[in-house]
Amino acid sequence: MANIFENASKYAHELDKMIVQESKTGFLADGKFKARFTGARTVNMPQIDFDGLGDYDRETGYSKGGTNFNYTAYTLGQERSKQLVIDAQDADESGMTSLAGKIVGEYTRTKVNPEIDAYVMSKLYGIANEKGNVTTFDADKAASIMLDAINNAEAANGYTNSQMVAFVDPVMYAALMTSNDLQRSITVSEFEQGNADLKVKHLNGCAIIPVAADRMRTEYTFNDTGFAAADGAGYIKAIIMPKSAASLVKKVDKVDIYTPEIVQDMDAYKINFRLYYDCFVTENKKGLIFAISGE
């Protein structure tokens, strides 16, 4: 029994790591300036601004100017949880540690990551729509529409060396990969996600991240059985932005494991965990997010 409880904290860490490394939007948690939690659901997000260069004066010296490093408080909008039940007959105590890890891992891959991706996509789309940065998809012009969107995002970002990313649905991905006009423009290079360097296709230097269609809708409902597209939700064909434009903030509460000796209502192990998450974009970066919508 002791070994099970000793490993409970490890499951929380592994769950958190799997979100970063395996969800399509997990790399958004890789920001240089980390959010600071001030409560279970409240974080302070940093925003840094600089004054421009000034003339050097031989008498007074350097031009004076400050570095404005401010924190803004945000509340995480998603507080989700689940209790996983394993019948005692399916695992003895000696094998429970391994089985629990496998179950938590599979649950993260099949339920947690898809939900986070869907939530983030819909929120980023909402910001692009708010800023008037949404283009309508046309299958016959998919390549040119995508190139225009990438250029618009780069222009809004000042044509810096920031890594650009494009989340695309299966239809858009297929259109790009089969376009004769883009064959020489598509390359494969490394893309950092968590502690892993992935081989990802790039279009004009923009990383192309394919995302399942059920995670690319404009609005979702979240309930006790998961998530689903809201009634009347539209379709997102692509989200284009600098990699640093958005921040995924998540917090996995400790994973609690209860043995059959403690569980009163059934002969089973119970695994409880709670997850807080949200995606934030600071005001000065909202204009950097572009989207393509359509059927």
C-alpha atoms as a PDB file:
ATOM      1  CA  MET A   1       0.000   0.000   0.000  1.00  0.00           C
ATOM      2  CA  ALA A   2       2.798   2.413   0.861  1.00  0.00           C
ATOM      3  CA  ASN A   3       4.362   1.974  -2.562  1.00  0.00           C
ATOM      4  CA  ILE A   4       1.116   3.041  -4.251  1.00  0.00           C
ATOM      5  CA  PHE A   5       0.873   6.252  -2.289  1.00  0.00           C
ATOM      6  CA  GLU A   6       4.568   6.986  -2.745  1.00  0.00           C
ATOM      7  CA  ASN A   7       4.065   6.895  -6.509  1.00  0.00           C
ATOM      8  CA  ALA A   8       0.940   9.072  -6.550  1.00  0.00           C
ATOM      9  CA  SER A   9       2.921  12.313  -6.909  1.00  0.00           C
ATOM     10  CA  LYS A  10       4.862  10.759  -9.784  1.00  0.00           C
ATOM     11  CA  TYR A  11       1.618  10.209 -11.713  1.00  0.00           C
ATOM     12  CA  ALA A  12       0.757  13.907 -11.406  1.00  0.00           C
ATOM     13  CA  HIS A  13       4.186  14.836 -12.775  1.00  0.00           C
ATOM     14  CA  GLU A  14       3.905  12.353 -15.632  1.00  0.00           C
ATOM     15  CA  LEU A  15       0.411  13.566 -16.501  1.00  0.00           C
ATOM     16  CA  ASP A  16       1.677  17.141 -16.625  1.00  0.00           C
ATOM     17  CA  LYS A  17       4.634  16.137 -18.815  1.00  0.00           C
ATOM     18  CA  MET A  18       2.424  14.195 -21.218  1.00  0.00           C
ATOM     19  CA  ILE A  19       0.234  17.250 -21.781  1.00  0.00           C
ATOM     20  CA  VAL A  20       3.282  19.276 -22.830  1.00  0.00           C
ATOM     21  CA  GLN A  21       4.890  16.615 -24.985  1.00  0.00           C
ATOM     22  CA  GLU A  22       1.910  14.873 -26.591  1.00  0.00           C
ATOM     23  CA  SER A  23      -0.974  17.317 -26.989  1.00  0.00           C
ATOM     24  CA  LYS A  24      -0.934  19.361 -30.188  1.00  0.00           C
ATOM     25  CA  THR A  25      -0.917  22.620 -28.218  1.00  0.00           C
ATOM     26  CA  GLY A  26       1.324  21.450 -25.362  1.00  0.00           C
ATOM     27  CA  PHE A  27       4.342  23.412 -26.585  1.00  0.00           C
ATOM     28  CA  LEU A  28       2.492  26.635 -25.755  1.00  0.00           C
ATOM     29  CA  ALA A  29       3.430  25.880 -22.153  1.00  0.00           C
ATOM     30  CA  ASP A  30       7.130  26.272 -23.037  1.00  0.00           C
ATOM     31  CA  GLY A  31       7.244  30.069 -22.623  1.00  0.00           C
ATOM     32  CA  LYS A  32      10.382  31.786 -21.349  1.00  0.00           C
ATOM     33  CA  PHE A  33       8.463  33.735 -18.718  1.00  0.00           C
ATOM     34  CA  LYS A  34       6.518  31.263 -16.609  1.00  0.00           C
ATOM     35  CA  ALA A  35       3.177  32.007 -15.015  1.00  0.00           C
ATOM     36  CA  ARG A  36       3.172  32.316 -11.242  1.00  0.00           C
ATOM     37  CA  PHE A  37       0.326  30.639  -9.409  1.00  0.00           C
ATOM     38  CA  THR A  38      -1.091  32.707  -6.556  1.00  0.00           C
ATOM     39  CA  GLY A  39      -3.953  30.298  -5.834  1.00  0.00           C
ATOM     40  CA  ALA A  40      -5.534  27.154  -7.196  1.00  0.00           C
ATOM     41  CA  ARG A  41      -6.947  28.948 -10.258  1.00  0.00           C
ATOM     42  CA  THR A  42      -5.214  32.336 -10.308  1.00  0.00           C
ATOM     43  CA  VAL A  43      -1.933  33.064 -12.075  1.00  0.00           C
ATOM     44  CA  ASN A  44       0.148  36.157 -12.664  1.00  0.00           C
ATOM     45  CA  MET A  45       1.225  36.335 -16.292  1.00  0.00           C
ATOM     46  CA  PRO A  46       4.230  38.510 -17.172  1.00  0.00           C
ATOM     47  CA  GLN A  47       4.262  41.160 -19.868  1.00  0.00           C
ATOM     48  CA  ILE A  48       7.512  42.912 -20.698  1.00  0.00           C
ATOM     49  CA  ASP A  49       7.906  46.216 -22.544  1.00  0.00           C
ATOM     50  CA  PHE A  50      11.012  48.269 -23.324  1.00  0.00           C
ATOM     51  CA  ASP A  51      11.689  51.865 -24.284  1.00  0.00           C
ATOM     52  CA  GLY A  52      13.470  52.348 -27.609  1.00  0.00           C
ATOM     53  CA  LEU A  53      17.078  53.437 -28.034  1.00  0.00           C
ATOM     54  CA  GLY A  54      18.120  57.017 -27.225  1.00  0.00           C
ATOM     55  CA  ASP A  55      21.152  59.126 -28.022  1.00  0.00           C
ATOM     56  CA  TYR A  56      24.283  58.791 -25.917  1.00  0.00           C
ATOM     57  CA  ASP A  57      25.282  62.112 -24.381  1.00  0.00           C
ATOM     58  CA  ARG A  58      28.994  62.637 -23.590  1.00  0.00           C
ATOM     59  CA  GLU A  59      28.094  64.710 -20.527  1.00  0.00           C
ATOM     60  CA  THR A  60      25.076  62.924 -19.093  1.00  0.00           C
ATOM     61  CA  GLY A  61      25.901  59.461 -20.403  1.00  0.00           C
ATOM     62  CA  TYR A  62      23.386  56.838 -21.319  1.00  0.00           C
ATOM     63  CA  SER A  63      19.841  57.552 -22.398  1.00  0.00           C
ATOM     64  CA  LYS A  64      17.539  56.718 -19.503  1.00  0.00           C
ATOM     65  CA  GLY A  65      14.764  54.230 -20.023  1.00  0.00           C
ATOM     66  CA  GLY A  66      12.996  51.575 -18.073  1.00  0.00           C
ATOM     67  CA  THR A  67      12.213  47.942 -18.537  1.00  0.00           C
ATOM     68  CA  ASN A  68       8.541  47.556 -17.745  1.00  0.00           C
ATOM     69  CA  PHE A  69       7.996  44.048 -16.412  1.00  0.00           C
ATOM     70  CA  ASN A  70       4.421  43.786 -15.188  1.00  0.00           C
ATOM     71  CA  TYR A  71       2.313  40.888 -13.999  1.00  0.00           C
ATOM     72  CA  THR A  72      -1.390  40.683 -14.774  1.00  0.00           C
ATOM     73  CA  ALA A  73      -3.644  38.355 -12.798  1.00  0.00           C
ATOM     74  CA  TYR A  74      -5.674  35.834 -14.791  1.00  0.00           C
ATOM     75  CA  THR A  75      -8.161  33.231 -13.630  1.00  0.00           C
ATOM     76  CA  LEU A  76      -7.987  29.795 -15.240  1.00  0.00           C
ATOM     77  CA  GLY A  77     -11.364  29.128 -16.816  1.00  0.00           C
ATOM     78  CA  GLN A  78     -11.231  25.345 -16.817  1.00  0.00           C
ATOM     79  CA  GLU A  79     -11.387  23.300 -13.620  1.00  0.00           C
ATOM     80  CA  ARG A  80     -11.825  19.649 -14.576  1.00  0.00           C
ATOM     81  CA  SER A  81     -11.577  16.354 -12.739  1.00  0.00           C
ATOM     82  CA  LYS A  82     -12.115  12.637 -13.015  1.00  0.00           C
ATOM     83  CA  GLN A  83     -12.291   9.596 -10.800  1.00  0.00           C
ATOM     84  CA  LEU A  84     -10.985   6.440 -12.450  1.00  0.00           C
ATOM     85  CA  VAL A  85     -12.095   3.121 -10.963  1.00  0.00           C
ATOM     86  CA  ILE A  86     -10.187  -0.186 -11.215  1.00  0.00           C
ATOM     87  CA  ASP A  87     -11.863  -3.309  -9.922  1.00  0.00           C
ATOM     88  CA  ALA A  88      -9.761  -5.058  -7.285  1.00  0.00           C
ATOM     89  CA  GLN A  89      -9.965  -8.303  -9.262  1.00  0.00           C
ATOM     90  CA  ASP A  90      -8.198  -6.675 -12.193  1.00  0.00           C
ATOM     91  CA  ALA A  91      -5.032  -5.842 -10.260  1.00  0.00           C
ATOM     92  CA  ASP A  92      -3.410  -7.024  -7.085  1.00  0.00           C
ATOM     93  CA  GLU A  93      -1.531  -4.560  -4.903  1.00  0.00           C
ATOM     94  CA  SER A  94       1.870  -5.527  -6.260  1.00  0.00           C
ATOM     95  CA  GLY A  95       0.850  -4.742  -9.837  1.00  0.00           C
ATOM     96  CA  MET A  96      -1.304  -1.733  -9.115  1.00  0.00           C
ATOM     97  CA  THR A  97       1.508   0.817  -9.370  1.00  0.00           C
ATOM     98  CA  SER A  98       2.271  -0.141 -12.965  1.00  0.00           C
ATOM     99  CA  LEU A  99      -1.384  -0.474 -13.950  1.00  0.00           C
ATOM    100  CA  ALA A 100      -2.318   2.895 -12.454  1.00  0.00           C
ATOM    101  CA  GLY A 101       0.448   4.600 -14.414  1.00  0.00           C
ATOM    102  CA  LYS A 102      -0.726   2.993 -17.656  1.00  0.00           C
ATOM    103  CA  ILE A 103      -4.346   3.961 -17.030  1.00  0.00           C
ATOM    104  CA  VAL A 104      -3.533   7.579 -16.164  1.00  0.00           C
ATOM    105  CA  GLY A 105      -1.298   7.777 -19.248  1.00  0.00           C
ATOM    106  CA  GLU A 106      -3.916   6.354 -21.593  1.00  0.00           C
ATOM    107  CA  TYR A 107      -6.600   8.603 -20.122  1.00  0.00           C
ATOM    108  CA  THR A 108      -4.370  11.632 -20.696  1.00  0.00           C
ATOM    109  CA  ARG A 109      -3.699  10.661 -24.311  1.00  0.00           C
ATOM    110  CA  THR A 110      -7.287   9.860 -25.244  1.00  0.00           C
ATOM    111  CA  LYS A 111      -9.325  12.300 -23.126  1.00  0.00           C
ATOM    112  CA  VAL A 112      -7.269  15.067 -21.509  1.00  0.00           C
ATOM    113  CA  ASN A 113      -5.097  16.105 -24.459  1.00  0.00           C
ATOM    114  CA  PRO A 114      -7.934  16.235 -27.020  1.00  0.00           C
ATOM    115  CA  GLU A 115     -10.009  18.403 -24.686  1.00  0.00           C
ATOM    116  CA  ILE A 116      -7.176  20.849 -24.026  1.00  0.00           C
ATOM    117  CA  ASP A 117      -6.431  21.108 -27.753  1.00  0.00           C
ATOM    118  CA  ALA A 118     -10.094  21.767 -28.575  1.00  0.00           C
ATOM    119  CA  TYR A 119     -10.395  24.421 -25.899  1.00  0.00           C
ATOM    120  CA  VAL A 120      -7.210  26.199 -26.991  1.00  0.00           C
ATOM    121  CA  MET A 121      -8.164  26.136 -30.689  1.00  0.00           C
ATOM    122  CA  SER A 122     -11.592  27.624 -30.020  1.00  0.00           C
ATOM    123  CA  LYS A 123     -10.150  30.335 -27.777  1.00  0.00           C
ATOM    124  CA  LEU A 124      -7.456  31.315 -30.291  1.00  0.00           C
ATOM    125  CA  TYR A 125     -10.080  31.436 -33.026  1.00  0.00           C
ATOM    126  CA  GLY A 126     -12.231  33.717 -30.886  1.00  0.00           C
ATOM    127  CA  ILE A 127      -9.323  36.146 -30.498  1.00  0.00           C
ATOM    128  CA  ALA A 128      -8.576  36.132 -34.237  1.00  0.00           C
ATOM    129  CA  ASN A 129     -12.257  36.747 -34.964  1.00  0.00           C
ATOM    130  CA  GLU A 130     -12.379  39.575 -32.424  1.00  0.00           C
ATOM    131  CA  LYS A 131      -9.450  41.256 -34.196  1.00  0.00           C
ATOM    132  CA  GLY A 132     -10.907  40.771 -37.670  1.00  0.00           C
ATOM    133  CA  ASN A 133      -8.143  38.355 -38.643  1.00  0.00           C
ATOM    134  CA  VAL A 134     -10.281  35.531 -40.057  1.00  0.00           C
ATOM    135  CA  THR A 135     -10.243  34.489 -43.727  1.00  0.00           C
ATOM    136  CA  THR A 136     -12.783  32.205 -45.387  1.00  0.00           C
ATOM    137  CA  PHE A 137     -11.505  28.880 -46.709  1.00  0.00           C
ATOM    138  CA  ASP A 138     -11.675  28.067 -50.419  1.00  0.00           C
ATOM    139  CA  ALA A 139     -10.544  24.563 -51.373  1.00  0.00           C
ATOM    140  CA  ASP A 140      -9.392  25.709 -54.821  1.00  0.00           C
ATOM    141  CA  LYS A 141      -7.211  28.416 -53.291  1.00  0.00           C
ATOM    142  CA  ALA A 142      -6.051  26.653 -50.123  1.00  0.00           C
ATOM    143  CA  ALA A 143      -2.349  27.155 -50.824  1.00  0.00           C
ATOM    144  CA  SER A 144      -2.566  30.870 -51.582  1.00  0.00           C
ATOM    145  CA  ILE A 145      -4.905  31.521 -48.633  1.00  0.00           C
ATOM    146  CA  MET A 146      -2.476  29.797 -46.271  1.00  0.00           C
ATOM    147  CA  LEU A 147       0.524  31.665 -47.662  1.00  0.00           C
ATOM    148  CA  ASP A 148      -1.340  34.960 -47.273  1.00  0.00           C
ATOM    149  CA  ALA A 149      -2.265  34.117 -43.679  1.00  0.00           C
ATOM    150  CA  ILE A 150       1.346  33.216 -42.829  1.00  0.00           C
ATOM    151  CA  ASN A 151       2.582  36.442 -44.395  1.00  0.00           C
ATOM    152  CA  ASN A 152      -0.070  38.479 -42.541  1.00  0.00           C
ATOM    153  CA  ALA A 153       0.961  36.948 -39.231  1.00  0.00           C
ATOM    154  CA  GLU A 154       4.643  37.552 -39.952  1.00  0.00           C
ATOM    155  CA  ALA A 155       3.941  41.137 -40.993  1.00  0.00           C
ATOM    156  CA  ALA A 156       1.934  41.784 -37.826  1.00  0.00           C
ATOM    157  CA  ASN A 157       4.881  40.387 -35.859  1.00  0.00           C
ATOM    158  CA  GLY A 158       7.348  42.650 -37.648  1.00  0.00           C
ATOM    159  CA  TYR A 159       9.033  39.935 -39.734  1.00  0.00           C
ATOM    160  CA  THR A 160      11.177  38.900 -36.774  1.00  0.00           C
ATOM    161  CA  ASN A 161      12.869  35.526 -36.427  1.00  0.00           C
ATOM    162  CA  SER A 162      10.092  34.251 -34.151  1.00  0.00           C
ATOM    163  CA  GLN A 163       9.032  30.696 -34.898  1.00  0.00           C
ATOM    164  CA  MET A 164       5.684  30.717 -36.730  1.00  0.00           C
ATOM    165  CA  VAL A 165       3.201  27.868 -36.283  1.00  0.00           C
ATOM    166  CA  ALA A 166       0.050  26.880 -38.116  1.00  0.00           C
ATOM    167  CA  PHE A 167      -2.466  24.451 -36.642  1.00  0.00           C
ATOM    168  CA  VAL A 168      -4.380  22.944 -39.574  1.00  0.00           C
ATOM    169  CA  ASP A 169      -7.329  20.566 -39.852  1.00  0.00           C
ATOM    170  CA  PRO A 170      -7.088  17.391 -42.001  1.00  0.00           C
ATOM    171  CA  VAL A 171      -8.648  19.040 -45.062  1.00  0.00           C
ATOM    172  CA  MET A 172      -6.236  21.949 -45.041  1.00  0.00           C
ATOM    173  CA  TYR A 173      -3.290  19.666 -44.298  1.00  0.00           C
ATOM    174  CA  ALA A 174      -4.122  17.408 -47.252  1.00  0.00           C
ATOM    175  CA  ALA A 175      -4.562  20.428 -49.529  1.00  0.00           C
ATOM    176  CA  LEU A 176      -1.130  21.776 -48.579  1.00  0.00           C
ATOM    177  CA  MET A 177       0.670  18.454 -48.831  1.00  0.00           C
ATOM    178  CA  THR A 178      -0.771  17.664 -52.279  1.00  0.00           C
ATOM    179  CA  SER A 179      -0.439  21.143 -53.774  1.00  0.00           C
ATOM    180  CA  ASN A 180       1.871  21.133 -56.786  1.00  0.00           C
ATOM    181  CA  ASP A 181       2.605  24.807 -56.199  1.00  0.00           C
ATOM    182  CA  LEU A 182       4.012  24.160 -52.725  1.00  0.00           C
ATOM    183  CA  GLN A 183       6.151  21.062 -53.224  1.00  0.00           C
ATOM    184  CA  ARG A 184       9.419  23.015 -53.255  1.00  0.00           C
ATOM    185  CA  SER A 185       8.309  25.252 -50.380  1.00  0.00           C
ATOM    186  CA  ILE A 186       7.590  22.441 -47.917  1.00  0.00           C
ATOM    187  CA  THR A 187      10.563  21.228 -45.901  1.00  0.00           C
ATOM    188  CA  VAL A 188      11.057  19.020 -42.847  1.00  0.00           C
ATOM    189  CA  SER A 189      12.978  20.365 -39.870  1.00  0.00           C
ATOM    190  CA  GLU A 190      13.071  20.189 -36.090  1.00  0.00           C
ATOM    191  CA  PHE A 191      10.379  21.661 -33.866  1.00  0.00           C
ATOM    192  CA  GLU A 192      10.873  21.884 -30.107  1.00  0.00           C
ATOM    193  CA  GLN A 193       8.052  20.579 -27.944  1.00  0.00           C
ATOM    194  CA  GLY A 194       8.774  20.120 -24.270  1.00  0.00           C
ATOM    195  CA  ASN A 195      12.077  18.280 -24.020  1.00  0.00           C
ATOM    196  CA  ALA A 196      11.683  16.677 -27.427  1.00  0.00           C
ATOM    197  CA  ASP A 197      12.793  17.830 -30.872  1.00  0.00           C
ATOM    198  CA  LEU A 198      10.194  16.652 -33.371  1.00  0.00           C
ATOM    199  CA  LYS A 199      10.505  16.402 -37.142  1.00  0.00           C
ATOM    200  CA  VAL A 200       7.748  18.643 -38.492  1.00  0.00           C
ATOM    201  CA  LYS A 201       6.869  19.854 -41.966  1.00  0.00           C
ATOM    202  CA  HIS A 202       7.377  23.580 -42.524  1.00  0.00           C
ATOM    203  CA  LEU A 203       5.948  25.913 -45.143  1.00  0.00           C
ATOM    204  CA  ASN A 204       8.117  28.980 -45.734  1.00  0.00           C
ATOM    205  CA  GLY A 205       9.572  28.471 -42.262  1.00  0.00           C
ATOM    206  CA  CYS A 206       6.169  28.086 -40.572  1.00  0.00           C
ATOM    207  CA  ALA A 207       5.684  24.798 -38.703  1.00  0.00           C
ATOM    208  CA  ILE A 208       2.588  22.944 -39.925  1.00  0.00           C
ATOM    209  CA  ILE A 209       0.850  21.099 -37.060  1.00  0.00           C
ATOM    210  CA  PRO A 210      -2.000  18.800 -38.187  1.00  0.00           C
ATOM    211  CA  VAL A 211      -4.874  18.618 -35.699  1.00  0.00           C
ATOM    212  CA  ALA A 212      -7.825  16.197 -35.656  1.00  0.00           C
ATOM    213  CA  ALA A 213     -11.057  17.678 -37.023  1.00  0.00           C
ATOM    214  CA  ASP A 214     -12.989  17.253 -33.764  1.00  0.00           C
ATOM    215  CA  ARG A 215     -10.517  19.616 -32.063  1.00  0.00           C
ATOM    216  CA  MET A 216     -10.950  22.329 -34.709  1.00  0.00           C
ATOM    217  CA  ARG A 217     -14.367  23.844 -34.022  1.00  0.00           C
ATOM    218  CA  THR A 218     -15.155  27.421 -33.065  1.00  0.00           C
ATOM    219  CA  GLU A 219     -17.052  26.649 -29.855  1.00  0.00           C
ATOM    220  CA  TYR A 220     -17.392  23.728 -27.426  1.00  0.00           C
ATOM    221  CA  THR A 221     -19.416  22.602 -24.455  1.00  0.00           C
ATOM    222  CA  PHE A 222     -17.686  20.853 -21.554  1.00  0.00           C
ATOM    223  CA  ASN A 223     -19.560  18.471 -19.271  1.00  0.00           C
ATOM    224  CA  ASP A 224     -19.078  15.438 -17.011  1.00  0.00           C
ATOM    225  CA  THR A 225     -18.435  13.090 -19.935  1.00  0.00           C
ATOM    226  CA  GLY A 226     -15.946  15.227 -21.827  1.00  0.00           C
ATOM    227  CA  PHE A 227     -16.431  17.833 -24.527  1.00  0.00           C
ATOM    228  CA  ALA A 228     -18.372  18.294 -27.755  1.00  0.00           C
ATOM    229  CA  ALA A 229     -18.819  20.954 -30.404  1.00  0.00           C
ATOM    230  CA  ALA A 230     -21.521  23.418 -29.396  1.00  0.00           C
ATOM    231  CA  ASP A 231     -24.707  23.682 -31.449  1.00  0.00           C
ATOM    232  CA  GLY A 232     -24.025  25.897 -34.421  1.00  0.00           C
ATOM    233  CA  ALA A 233     -20.244  25.815 -33.966  1.00  0.00           C
ATOM    234  CA  GLY A 234     -18.270  26.581 -37.099  1.00  0.00           C
ATOM    235  CA  TYR A 235     -15.201  24.845 -38.483  1.00  0.00           C
ATOM    236  CA  ILE A 236     -11.617  26.025 -38.101  1.00  0.00           C
ATOM    237  CA  LYS A 237      -9.367  25.205 -41.036  1.00  0.00           C
ATOM    238  CA  ALA A 238      -6.236  26.823 -39.600  1.00  0.00           C
ATOM    239  CA  ILE A 239      -4.812  28.982 -36.808  1.00  0.00           C
ATOM    240  CA  ILE A 240      -1.603  30.852 -37.684  1.00  0.00           C
ATOM    241  CA  MET A 241       0.532  32.778 -35.187  1.00  0.00           C
ATOM    242  CA  PRO A 242       4.007  33.175 -33.675  1.00  0.00           C
ATOM    243  CA  LYS A 243       4.810  30.316 -31.321  1.00  0.00           C
ATOM    244  CA  SER A 244       5.240  32.785 -28.465  1.00  0.00           C
ATOM    245  CA  ALA A 245       1.883  34.544 -28.938  1.00  0.00           C
ATOM    246  CA  ALA A 246      -0.121  32.364 -26.543  1.00  0.00           C
ATOM    247  CA  SER A 247       0.540  30.662 -23.227  1.00  0.00           C
ATOM    248  CA  LEU A 248      -1.018  27.406 -22.103  1.00  0.00           C
ATOM    249  CA  VAL A 249      -1.200  27.440 -18.319  1.00  0.00           C
ATOM    250  CA  LYS A 250      -2.042  24.181 -16.579  1.00  0.00           C
ATOM    251  CA  LYS A 251      -1.848  22.780 -13.109  1.00  0.00           C
ATOM    252  CA  VAL A 252      -2.294  19.131 -12.262  1.00  0.00           C
ATOM    253  CA  ASP A 253      -3.375  18.695  -8.663  1.00  0.00           C
ATOM    254  CA  LYS A 254      -1.899  15.715  -6.863  1.00  0.00           C
ATOM    255  CA  VAL A 255      -3.212  12.348  -7.942  1.00  0.00           C
ATOM    256  CA  ASP A 256      -4.941  10.537  -5.067  1.00  0.00           C
ATOM    257  CA  ILE A 257      -5.091   6.739  -5.094  1.00  0.00           C
ATOM    258  CA  TYR A 258      -7.444   4.910  -2.728  1.00  0.00           C
ATOM    259  CA  THR A 259      -7.136   1.185  -2.070  1.00  0.00           C
ATOM    260  CA  PRO A 260     -10.047  -1.264  -1.662  1.00  0.00           C
ATOM    261  CA  GLU A 261      -9.498  -1.157   2.125  1.00  0.00           C
ATOM    262  CA  ILE A 262     -10.386   2.539   2.085  1.00  0.00           C
ATOM    263  CA  VAL A 263     -13.063   2.564  -0.624  1.00  0.00           C
ATOM    264  CA  GLN A 264     -16.400   1.850   1.053  1.00  0.00           C
ATOM    265  CA  ASP A 265     -18.916   1.518  -1.785  1.00  0.00           C
ATOM    266  CA  MET A 266     -17.118  -1.075  -3.925  1.00  0.00           C
ATOM    267  CA  ASP A 267     -14.203  -3.497  -4.028  1.00  0.00           C
ATOM    268  CA  ALA A 268     -11.968  -1.333  -6.162  1.00  0.00           C
ATOM    269  CA  TYR A 269      -9.110   1.101  -6.389  1.00  0.00           C
ATOM    270  CA  LYS A 270     -10.009   4.708  -7.110  1.00  0.00           C
ATOM    271  CA  ILE A 271      -7.737   7.279  -8.757  1.00  0.00           C
ATOM    272  CA  ASN A 272      -8.771  10.922  -8.341  1.00  0.00           C
ATOM    273  CA  PHE A 273      -7.144  13.864 -10.057  1.00  0.00           C
ATOM    274  CA  ARG A 274      -8.053  17.472 -10.769  1.00  0.00           C
ATOM    275  CA  LEU A 275      -6.752  19.620 -13.607  1.00  0.00           C
ATOM    276  CA  TYR A 276      -6.824  23.390 -14.022  1.00  0.00           C
ATOM    277  CA  TYR A 277      -5.982  24.893 -17.392  1.00  0.00           C
ATOM    278  CA  ASP A 278      -6.507  27.817 -19.727  1.00  0.00           C
ATOM    279  CA  CYS A 279      -4.900  29.577 -22.673  1.00  0.00           C
ATOM    280  CA  PHE A 280      -3.998  33.254 -22.388  1.00  0.00           C
ATOM    281  CA  VAL A 281      -2.903  35.878 -24.890  1.00  0.00           C
ATOM    282  CA  THR A 282      -1.711  39.238 -23.607  1.00  0.00           C
ATOM    283  CA  GLU A 283      -3.287  42.340 -25.148  1.00  0.00           C
ATOM    284  CA  ASN A 284      -0.164  43.279 -27.090  1.00  0.00           C
ATOM    285  CA  LYS A 285      -0.145  39.907 -28.881  1.00  0.00           C
ATOM    286  CA  LYS A 286      -3.814  39.423 -29.757  1.00  0.00           C
ATOM    287  CA  GLY A 287      -3.322  41.050 -33.165  1.00  0.00           C
ATOM    288  CA  LEU A 288      -0.731  38.394 -34.069  1.00  0.00           C
ATOM    289  CA  ILE A 289      -3.256  35.549 -34.290  1.00  0.00           C
ATOM    290  CA  PHE A 290      -4.890  34.748 -37.637  1.00  0.00           C
ATOM    291  CA  ALA A 291      -7.417  32.097 -38.606  1.00  0.00           C
ATOM    292  CA  ILE A 292      -9.023  30.463 -41.620  1.00  0.00           C
ATOM    293  CA  SER A 293     -12.594  29.225 -41.257  1.00  0.00           C
ATOM    294  CA  GLY A 294     -14.964  27.228 -43.445  1.00  0.00           C
ATOM    295  CA  GLU A 295     -16.674  23.922 -43.958  1.00  0.00           C
END
